[in-house]
């Protein structure tokens, strides 16, 4: 499971099928601790959008949408933290 620490863009080439999930862990960059309660938004290259909150361990699963989009943009945000 990739850890997202700090800000920036992470590009991954993944071979996921519809029905599978991209699992991420969101961390506080300064403390390297899980960022519980952060919101994760993802958008497909076709304009579809979904949002979910991470759990207490900073984990979130993003289901692969129908039609397996070519691109998936993921952003994590929490009040008081830079994106």
Protein backbone atom coordinates (compact mmCIF):
# COMPACT_ATOMS: atom_id res chain seq x y z
CA UNK A 1 0.00 0.00 0.00
CA UNK A 2 1.61 3.33 -1.04
CA UNK A 3 2.02 5.99 1.66
CA UNK A 4 1.34 9.60 0.64
CA UNK A 5 3.72 11.79 2.65
CA UNK A 6 4.17 15.47 1.86
CA UNK A 7 2.70 17.27 -1.07
CA UNK A 8 3.16 16.80 -4.75
CA UNK A 9 1.99 14.49 -7.45
CA UNK A 10 2.44 10.74 -7.51
CA UNK A 11 1.90 9.03 -10.85
CA UNK A 12 1.45 5.28 -10.85
CA UNK A 13 0.84 2.89 -13.69
CA UNK A 14 -1.60 0.33 -12.32
CA UNK A 15 -3.33 -2.62 -13.87
CA UNK A 16 -6.53 -2.76 -11.82
CA UNK A 17 -9.77 -4.32 -12.97
CA UNK A 18 -13.30 -3.05 -12.32
CA UNK A 19 -14.37 -4.20 -8.85
CA UNK A 20 -10.86 -4.02 -7.39
CA UNK A 21 -9.76 -1.19 -5.08
CA UNK A 22 -6.74 1.09 -5.04
CA UNK A 23 -5.69 1.12 -1.37
CA UNK A 24 -3.84 4.17 -0.01
CA UNK A 25 -2.56 5.35 3.36
CA UNK A 26 -2.57 9.10 4.03
CA UNK A 27 0.03 10.43 6.49
CA UNK A 28 0.89 13.73 8.20
CA UNK A 29 4.14 14.68 6.44
CA UNK A 30 5.64 16.37 9.52
CA UNK A 31 4.98 13.51 11.94
CA UNK A 32 4.73 10.52 9.56
CA UNK A 33 1.56 9.52 11.42
CA UNK A 34 -1.84 8.57 9.95
CA UNK A 35 -3.98 11.57 9.01
CA UNK A 36 -7.32 10.28 10.34
CA UNK A 37 -10.39 12.14 9.14
CA UNK A 38 -8.79 13.50 5.97
CA UNK A 39 -11.07 13.52 2.94
CA UNK A 40 -9.91 11.81 -0.24
CA UNK A 41 -11.45 12.91 -3.53
CA UNK A 42 -10.87 11.07 -6.78
CA UNK A 43 -11.86 12.01 -10.30
CA UNK A 44 -11.74 9.95 -13.45
CA UNK A 45 -10.62 11.22 -16.83
CA UNK A 46 -14.32 11.11 -17.79
CA UNK A 47 -15.30 13.61 -15.08
CA UNK A 48 -16.79 11.22 -12.50
CA UNK A 49 -16.06 12.24 -8.89
CA UNK A 50 -16.29 10.51 -5.49
CA UNK A 51 -15.18 11.36 -1.95
CA UNK A 52 -14.54 9.34 1.21
CA UNK A 53 -12.94 9.95 4.64
CA UNK A 54 -9.86 7.95 5.65
CA UNK A 55 -10.03 5.69 8.71
CA UNK A 56 -8.17 6.06 12.03
CA UNK A 57 -5.08 4.38 10.51
CA UNK A 58 -5.10 6.81 7.56
CA UNK A 59 -6.26 4.11 5.14
CA UNK A 60 -8.75 4.44 2.31
CA UNK A 61 -9.83 2.17 -0.52
CA UNK A 62 -10.85 3.66 -3.85
CA UNK A 63 -13.02 1.31 -5.92
CA UNK A 64 -12.08 1.12 -9.59
CA UNK A 65 -15.05 2.59 -11.51
CA UNK A 66 -16.87 0.72 -14.27
CA UNK A 67 -15.07 0.94 -17.58
CA UNK A 68 -11.62 1.20 -15.92
CA UNK A 69 -10.72 4.84 -16.68
CA UNK A 70 -7.36 5.66 -18.23
CA UNK A 71 -6.61 8.22 -15.52
CA UNK A 72 -7.60 8.64 -11.87
CA UNK A 73 -6.69 11.85 -10.02
CA UNK A 74 -6.58 11.48 -6.22
CA UNK A 75 -6.39 14.38 -3.75
CA UNK A 76 -6.30 14.18 0.06
CA UNK A 77 -7.29 17.19 2.17
CA UNK A 78 -7.78 18.04 5.83
CA UNK A 79 -8.39 21.42 7.45
CA UNK A 80 -5.10 22.79 8.81
CA UNK A 81 -2.93 20.84 6.34
CA UNK A 82 -1.53 21.82 2.96
CA UNK A 83 -2.68 19.65 0.03
